Amino acid sequence: MKKITCTDAQETIDIGRRLGRAVSGEFSIALTGDLGTGKTTLIQGMARGMGVDEAYYITSPTFTIINEYPAGDLRLCHLDLYRLADPEELDYIGFNDLLTPATVLAVEWPGLLRESGI
């Protein structure tokens, strides 16, 4: 596990953008941290680095659980598992359907993934 510390939102976006530019296929990132620590800000930069159009406003999927964005030949799936209470709910949201070579997963609150053994 690599730990990166940013001092402000712009630095977080810049790191995310560089990460997004480096993604060329199947890739997953798990993001942990307290509320307001910049997890979604990192994904905003990552989305832009992957080529997600500026017309898409990248928001936290706190209530929708999954936000999907087209990124050229890839799609970015941004998940927030905070509101899920049981690993079985991953089946309900269709998590396994997201696991394709053309999907980049960015998962906030990934604890349920560990519990499910994924």
N, C-alpha and C. Protein backbone atom coordinates (compact mmCIF):
# COMPACT_ATOMS: atom_id res chain seq x y z
N MET A 1 0.84 -1.16 0.00
CA MET A 1 0.00 0.00 0.00
C MET A 1 0.90 1.23 0.00
N LYS A 2 0.54 2.18 -0.85
CA LYS A 2 1.31 3.43 -0.93
C LYS A 2 0.48 4.54 -0.30
N LYS A 3 1.07 5.30 0.57
CA LYS A 3 0.40 6.42 1.21
C LYS A 3 0.90 7.71 0.59
N ILE A 4 -0.04 8.55 0.16
CA ILE A 4 0.30 9.84 -0.43
C ILE A 4 -0.40 10.91 0.40
N THR A 5 0.32 11.92 0.79
CA THR A 5 -0.26 13.01 1.57
C THR A 5 -0.25 14.28 0.73
N CYS A 6 -1.41 14.92 0.64
CA CYS A 6 -1.55 16.17 -0.12
C CYS A 6 -1.85 17.30 0.85
N THR A 7 -1.42 18.49 0.49
CA THR A 7 -1.61 19.64 1.37
C THR A 7 -2.84 20.46 1.04
N ASP A 8 -3.40 20.31 -0.17
CA ASP A 8 -4.61 21.06 -0.52
C ASP A 8 -5.36 20.35 -1.65
N ALA A 9 -6.55 20.84 -1.96
CA ALA A 9 -7.40 20.21 -2.97
C ALA A 9 -6.75 20.19 -4.35
N GLN A 10 -6.08 21.26 -4.74
CA GLN A 10 -5.47 21.30 -6.07
C GLN A 10 -4.37 20.26 -6.21
N GLU A 11 -3.59 20.09 -5.17
CA GLU A 11 -2.55 19.07 -5.21
C GLU A 11 -3.18 17.68 -5.32
N THR A 12 -4.29 17.46 -4.63
CA THR A 12 -5.01 16.19 -4.70
C THR A 12 -5.53 15.95 -6.11
N ILE A 13 -6.11 16.97 -6.73
CA ILE A 13 -6.60 16.86 -8.11
C ILE A 13 -5.44 16.57 -9.05
N ASP A 14 -4.33 17.25 -8.88
CA ASP A 14 -3.16 17.04 -9.75
C ASP A 14 -2.64 15.61 -9.66
N ILE A 15 -2.57 15.07 -8.45
CA ILE A 15 -2.12 13.68 -8.28
C ILE A 15 -3.12 12.73 -8.93
N GLY A 16 -4.40 13.00 -8.74
CA GLY A 16 -5.43 12.18 -9.38
C GLY A 16 -5.33 12.23 -10.89
N ARG A 17 -5.08 13.41 -11.43
CA ARG A 17 -4.95 13.56 -12.88
C ARG A 17 -3.77 12.74 -13.41
N ARG A 18 -2.65 12.79 -12.71
CA ARG A 18 -1.49 11.98 -13.12
C ARG A 18 -1.80 10.49 -13.05
N LEU A 19 -2.49 10.10 -12.01
CA LEU A 19 -2.88 8.70 -11.87
C LEU A 19 -3.80 8.29 -13.02
N GLY A 20 -4.77 9.13 -13.33
CA GLY A 20 -5.70 8.84 -14.42
C GLY A 20 -5.01 8.72 -15.77
N ARG A 21 -4.01 9.53 -16.01
CA ARG A 21 -3.25 9.46 -17.27
C ARG A 21 -2.49 8.14 -17.39
N ALA A 22 -2.11 7.58 -16.25
CA ALA A 22 -1.33 6.33 -16.24
C ALA A 22 -2.20 5.09 -16.41
N VAL A 23 -3.50 5.23 -16.22
CA VAL A 23 -4.41 4.09 -16.32
C VAL A 23 -4.64 3.75 -17.79
N SER A 24 -4.42 2.49 -18.14
CA SER A 24 -4.63 2.10 -19.54
C SER A 24 -5.56 0.90 -19.67
N GLY A 25 -6.04 0.39 -18.58
CA GLY A 25 -6.92 -0.77 -18.63
C GLY A 25 -7.41 -1.10 -17.24
N GLU A 26 -7.73 -2.35 -17.04
CA GLU A 26 -8.28 -2.82 -15.78
C GLU A 26 -7.43 -2.32 -14.61
N PHE A 27 -8.07 -1.57 -13.73
CA PHE A 27 -7.37 -0.94 -12.62
C PHE A 27 -8.38 -0.69 -11.51
N SER A 28 -7.94 -0.88 -10.28
CA SER A 28 -8.80 -0.61 -9.12
C SER A 28 -8.01 0.15 -8.08
N ILE A 29 -8.71 1.06 -7.40
CA ILE A 29 -8.09 1.81 -6.32
C ILE A 29 -9.10 1.86 -5.17
N ALA A 30 -8.63 1.57 -3.96
CA ALA A 30 -9.45 1.64 -2.76
C ALA A 30 -9.03 2.87 -1.97
N LEU A 31 -10.01 3.68 -1.61
CA LEU A 31 -9.73 4.94 -0.92
C LEU A 31 -10.33 4.92 0.48
N THR A 32 -9.49 5.15 1.46
CA THR A 32 -9.95 5.20 2.84
C THR A 32 -9.63 6.57 3.41
N GLY A 33 -10.30 6.90 4.46
CA GLY A 33 -10.08 8.17 5.13
C GLY A 33 -11.38 8.72 5.66
N ASP A 34 -11.28 9.62 6.60
CA ASP A 34 -12.46 10.22 7.20
C ASP A 34 -13.24 11.02 6.17
N LEU A 35 -14.48 11.35 6.52
CA LEU A 35 -15.29 12.22 5.67
C LEU A 35 -14.54 13.53 5.44
N GLY A 36 -14.55 14.00 4.20
CA GLY A 36 -13.93 15.28 3.88
C GLY A 36 -12.43 15.25 3.70
N THR A 37 -11.83 14.07 3.58
CA THR A 37 -10.37 14.01 3.44
C THR A 37 -9.88 14.11 2.00
N GLY A 38 -10.80 14.13 1.02
CA GLY A 38 -10.38 14.34 -0.35
C GLY A 38 -10.47 13.13 -1.26
N LYS A 39 -11.18 12.10 -0.85
CA LYS A 39 -11.31 10.90 -1.68
C LYS A 39 -11.97 11.24 -3.02
N THR A 40 -13.08 11.94 -2.98
CA THR A 40 -13.77 12.30 -4.22
C THR A 40 -12.95 13.32 -5.01
N THR A 41 -12.24 14.19 -4.34
CA THR A 41 -11.38 15.16 -5.03
C THR A 41 -10.32 14.44 -5.84
N LEU A 42 -9.74 13.39 -5.28
CA LEU A 42 -8.76 12.59 -6.02
C LEU A 42 -9.40 11.98 -7.26
N ILE A 43 -10.62 11.47 -7.13
CA ILE A 43 -11.32 10.86 -8.25
C ILE A 43 -11.67 11.91 -9.30
N GLN A 44 -11.97 13.12 -8.90
CA GLN A 44 -12.21 14.20 -9.87
C GLN A 44 -11.00 14.38 -10.76
N GLY A 45 -9.83 14.43 -10.17
CA GLY A 45 -8.60 14.56 -10.96
C GLY A 45 -8.35 13.32 -11.80
N MET A 46 -8.57 12.15 -11.22
CA MET A 46 -8.35 10.90 -11.94
C MET A 46 -9.25 10.84 -13.18
N ALA A 47 -10.51 11.23 -13.01
CA ALA A 47 -11.45 11.21 -14.13
C ALA A 47 -10.95 12.11 -15.27
N ARG A 48 -10.49 13.30 -14.93
CA ARG A 48 -10.00 14.21 -15.97
C ARG A 48 -8.75 13.64 -16.64
N GLY A 49 -7.88 13.03 -15.85
CA GLY A 49 -6.69 12.42 -16.41
C GLY A 49 -7.00 11.25 -17.35
N MET A 50 -8.11 10.57 -17.08
CA MET A 50 -8.54 9.46 -17.94
C MET A 50 -9.27 9.95 -19.18
N GLY A 51 -9.59 11.24 -19.22
CA GLY A 51 -10.28 11.78 -20.39
C GLY A 51 -11.78 11.90 -20.25
N VAL A 52 -12.31 11.79 -19.03
CA VAL A 52 -13.74 12.00 -18.83
C VAL A 52 -14.03 13.46 -19.18
N ASP A 53 -15.02 13.66 -20.02
CA ASP A 53 -15.38 14.99 -20.52
C ASP A 53 -15.72 15.95 -19.38
N GLU A 54 -15.32 17.20 -19.54
CA GLU A 54 -15.60 18.24 -18.55
C GLU A 54 -17.09 18.45 -18.32
N ALA A 55 -17.94 17.99 -19.24
CA ALA A 55 -19.38 18.12 -19.08
C ALA A 55 -19.90 17.27 -17.90
N TYR A 56 -19.13 16.27 -17.53
CA TYR A 56 -19.51 15.43 -16.39
C TYR A 56 -18.99 16.06 -15.11
N TYR A 57 -19.89 16.35 -14.21
CA TYR A 57 -19.51 16.84 -12.89
C TYR A 57 -19.30 15.63 -12.00
N ILE A 58 -18.09 15.44 -11.54
CA ILE A 58 -17.73 14.26 -10.76
C ILE A 58 -18.12 14.52 -9.31
N THR A 59 -19.08 13.74 -8.82
CA THR A 59 -19.57 13.89 -7.45
C THR A 59 -19.41 12.59 -6.69
N SER A 60 -19.52 12.69 -5.39
CA SER A 60 -19.48 11.50 -4.55
C SER A 60 -20.76 10.70 -4.76
N PRO A 61 -20.64 9.40 -4.94
CA PRO A 61 -21.83 8.56 -5.08
C PRO A 61 -22.40 8.10 -3.73
N THR A 62 -22.38 8.98 -2.75
CA THR A 62 -22.83 8.64 -1.41
C THR A 62 -24.24 8.06 -1.41
N PHE A 63 -25.14 8.63 -2.19
CA PHE A 63 -26.53 8.16 -2.19
C PHE A 63 -26.83 7.25 -3.37
N THR A 64 -26.12 7.39 -4.46
CA THR A 64 -26.36 6.55 -5.63
C THR A 64 -25.55 5.26 -5.59
N ILE A 65 -24.57 5.18 -4.75
CA ILE A 65 -23.65 4.05 -4.55
C ILE A 65 -22.63 3.95 -5.69
N ILE A 66 -23.08 4.07 -6.95
CA ILE A 66 -22.17 3.96 -8.10
C ILE A 66 -22.42 5.10 -9.07
N ASN A 67 -21.37 5.80 -9.45
CA ASN A 67 -21.43 6.76 -10.56
C ASN A 67 -20.51 6.23 -11.65
N GLU A 68 -21.00 6.23 -12.89
CA GLU A 68 -20.20 5.76 -14.02
C GLU A 68 -19.94 6.90 -14.99
N TYR A 69 -18.73 6.94 -15.53
CA TYR A 69 -18.33 7.97 -16.46
C TYR A 69 -17.58 7.35 -17.63
N PRO A 70 -17.93 7.71 -18.86
CA PRO A 70 -17.18 7.20 -20.02
C PRO A 70 -15.82 7.91 -20.12
N ALA A 71 -14.81 7.10 -20.41
CA ALA A 71 -13.45 7.64 -20.53
C ALA A 71 -12.77 6.97 -21.71
N GLY A 72 -13.13 7.39 -22.91
CA GLY A 72 -12.58 6.77 -24.11
C GLY A 72 -13.04 5.33 -24.21
N ASP A 73 -12.09 4.41 -24.34
CA ASP A 73 -12.42 2.99 -24.41
C ASP A 73 -12.69 2.39 -23.04
N LEU A 74 -12.51 3.16 -22.00
CA LEU A 74 -12.71 2.69 -20.63
C LEU A 74 -13.95 3.34 -20.02
N ARG A 75 -14.35 2.85 -18.88
CA ARG A 75 -15.35 3.53 -18.08
C ARG A 75 -14.83 3.58 -16.65
N LEU A 76 -15.05 4.70 -16.02
CA LEU A 76 -14.68 4.89 -14.63
C LEU A 76 -15.92 4.65 -13.79
N CYS A 77 -15.84 3.70 -12.88
CA CYS A 77 -16.92 3.43 -11.94
C CYS A 77 -16.45 3.86 -10.55
N HIS A 78 -17.09 4.88 -10.04
CA HIS A 78 -16.76 5.46 -8.74
C HIS A 78 -17.82 4.96 -7.75
N LEU A 79 -17.39 4.18 -6.78
CA LEU A 79 -18.30 3.58 -5.81
C LEU A 79 -18.06 4.16 -4.42
N ASP A 80 -19.14 4.31 -3.67
CA ASP A 80 -19.07 4.70 -2.28
C ASP A 80 -19.86 3.66 -1.50
N LEU A 81 -19.17 2.79 -0.78
CA LEU A 81 -19.82 1.68 -0.09
C LEU A 81 -20.18 2.00 1.35
N TYR A 82 -20.10 3.26 1.73
CA TYR A 82 -20.35 3.69 3.11
C TYR A 82 -21.72 3.26 3.61
N ARG A 83 -22.74 3.34 2.77
CA ARG A 83 -24.11 3.06 3.19
C ARG A 83 -24.49 1.58 3.13
N LEU A 84 -23.61 0.75 2.60
CA LEU A 84 -23.91 -0.67 2.56
C LEU A 84 -23.55 -1.30 3.91
N ALA A 85 -24.42 -2.19 4.38
CA ALA A 85 -24.23 -2.76 5.71
C ALA A 85 -23.72 -4.19 5.69
N ASP A 86 -23.86 -4.87 4.57
CA ASP A 86 -23.53 -6.29 4.52
C ASP A 86 -22.87 -6.61 3.18
N PRO A 87 -21.85 -7.47 3.18
CA PRO A 87 -21.19 -7.82 1.92
C PRO A 87 -22.15 -8.39 0.87
N GLU A 88 -23.25 -9.01 1.28
CA GLU A 88 -24.22 -9.55 0.33
C GLU A 88 -24.85 -8.45 -0.53
N GLU A 89 -24.84 -7.22 -0.03
CA GLU A 89 -25.40 -6.11 -0.79
C GLU A 89 -24.58 -5.81 -2.04
N LEU A 90 -23.34 -6.27 -2.08
CA LEU A 90 -22.53 -6.10 -3.29
C LEU A 90 -23.17 -6.81 -4.47
N ASP A 91 -23.78 -7.97 -4.23
CA ASP A 91 -24.51 -8.67 -5.29
C ASP A 91 -25.71 -7.85 -5.74
N TYR A 92 -26.41 -7.25 -4.80
CA TYR A 92 -27.60 -6.46 -5.10
C TYR A 92 -27.29 -5.27 -6.01
N ILE A 93 -26.14 -4.64 -5.80
CA ILE A 93 -25.78 -3.47 -6.62
C ILE A 93 -25.10 -3.87 -7.92
N GLY A 94 -24.88 -5.18 -8.12
CA GLY A 94 -24.25 -5.64 -9.36
C GLY A 94 -22.76 -5.45 -9.42
N PHE A 95 -22.10 -5.54 -8.28
CA PHE A 95 -20.66 -5.29 -8.23
C PHE A 95 -19.88 -6.17 -9.21
N ASN A 96 -20.18 -7.45 -9.23
CA ASN A 96 -19.43 -8.36 -10.10
C ASN A 96 -19.57 -8.01 -11.57
N ASP A 97 -20.67 -7.37 -11.96
CA ASP A 97 -20.86 -6.95 -13.35
C ASP A 97 -19.91 -5.83 -13.74
N LEU A 98 -19.36 -5.15 -12.75
CA LEU A 98 -18.42 -4.05 -13.01
C LEU A 98 -17.01 -4.55 -13.30
N LEU A 99 -16.74 -5.79 -12.97
CA LEU A 99 -15.38 -6.34 -13.07
C LEU A 99 -15.09 -6.79 -14.50
N THR A 100 -14.77 -5.82 -15.34
CA THR A 100 -14.42 -6.10 -16.73
C THR A 100 -13.08 -5.44 -17.05
N PRO A 101 -12.40 -5.90 -18.09
CA PRO A 101 -11.11 -5.29 -18.44
C PRO A 101 -11.22 -3.81 -18.83
N ALA A 102 -12.40 -3.37 -19.22
CA ALA A 102 -12.56 -1.97 -19.64
C ALA A 102 -13.04 -1.07 -18.51
N THR A 103 -13.10 -1.60 -17.29
CA THR A 103 -13.62 -0.83 -16.16
C THR A 103 -12.50 -0.48 -15.19
N VAL A 104 -12.46 0.78 -14.83
CA VAL A 104 -11.58 1.26 -13.77
C VAL A 104 -12.46 1.50 -12.56
N LEU A 105 -12.12 0.84 -11.45
CA LEU A 105 -12.90 0.98 -10.22
C LEU A 105 -12.18 1.89 -9.23
N ALA A 106 -12.93 2.84 -8.70
CA ALA A 106 -12.44 3.69 -7.62
C ALA A 106 -13.45 3.53 -6.49
N VAL A 107 -13.03 2.92 -5.40
CA VAL A 107 -13.95 2.53 -4.33
C VAL A 107 -13.63 3.28 -3.04
N GLU A 108 -14.61 4.08 -2.60
CA GLU A 108 -14.51 4.73 -1.30
C GLU A 108 -15.15 3.81 -0.27
N TRP A 109 -14.59 3.78 0.92
CA TRP A 109 -15.07 2.93 2.01
C TRP A 109 -15.07 1.45 1.58
N PRO A 110 -13.89 0.89 1.26
CA PRO A 110 -13.80 -0.45 0.69
C PRO A 110 -13.89 -1.60 1.71
N GLY A 111 -14.23 -1.33 2.95
CA GLY A 111 -14.25 -2.36 3.99
C GLY A 111 -15.08 -3.58 3.62
N LEU A 112 -16.23 -3.38 3.00
CA LEU A 112 -17.08 -4.52 2.63
C LEU A 112 -16.40 -5.43 1.61
N LEU A 113 -15.55 -4.86 0.78
CA LEU A 113 -14.83 -5.70 -0.18
C LEU A 113 -13.91 -6.66 0.55
N ARG A 114 -13.25 -6.17 1.59
CA ARG A 114 -12.39 -7.03 2.38
C ARG A 114 -13.20 -8.12 3.06
N GLU A 115 -14.36 -7.74 3.62
CA GLU A 115 -15.21 -8.71 4.30
C GLU A 115 -15.75 -9.77 3.35
N SER A 116 -15.99 -9.40 2.10
CA SER A 116 -16.56 -10.34 1.13
C SER A 116 -15.49 -11.24 0.52
N GLY A 117 -14.23 -10.88 0.70
CA GLY A 117 -13.14 -11.66 0.13
C GLY A 117 -12.81 -11.30 -1.30
N ILE A 118 -13.36 -10.21 -1.79
CA ILE A 118 -13.08 -9.76 -3.18
C ILE A 118 -11.71 -9.12 -3.23
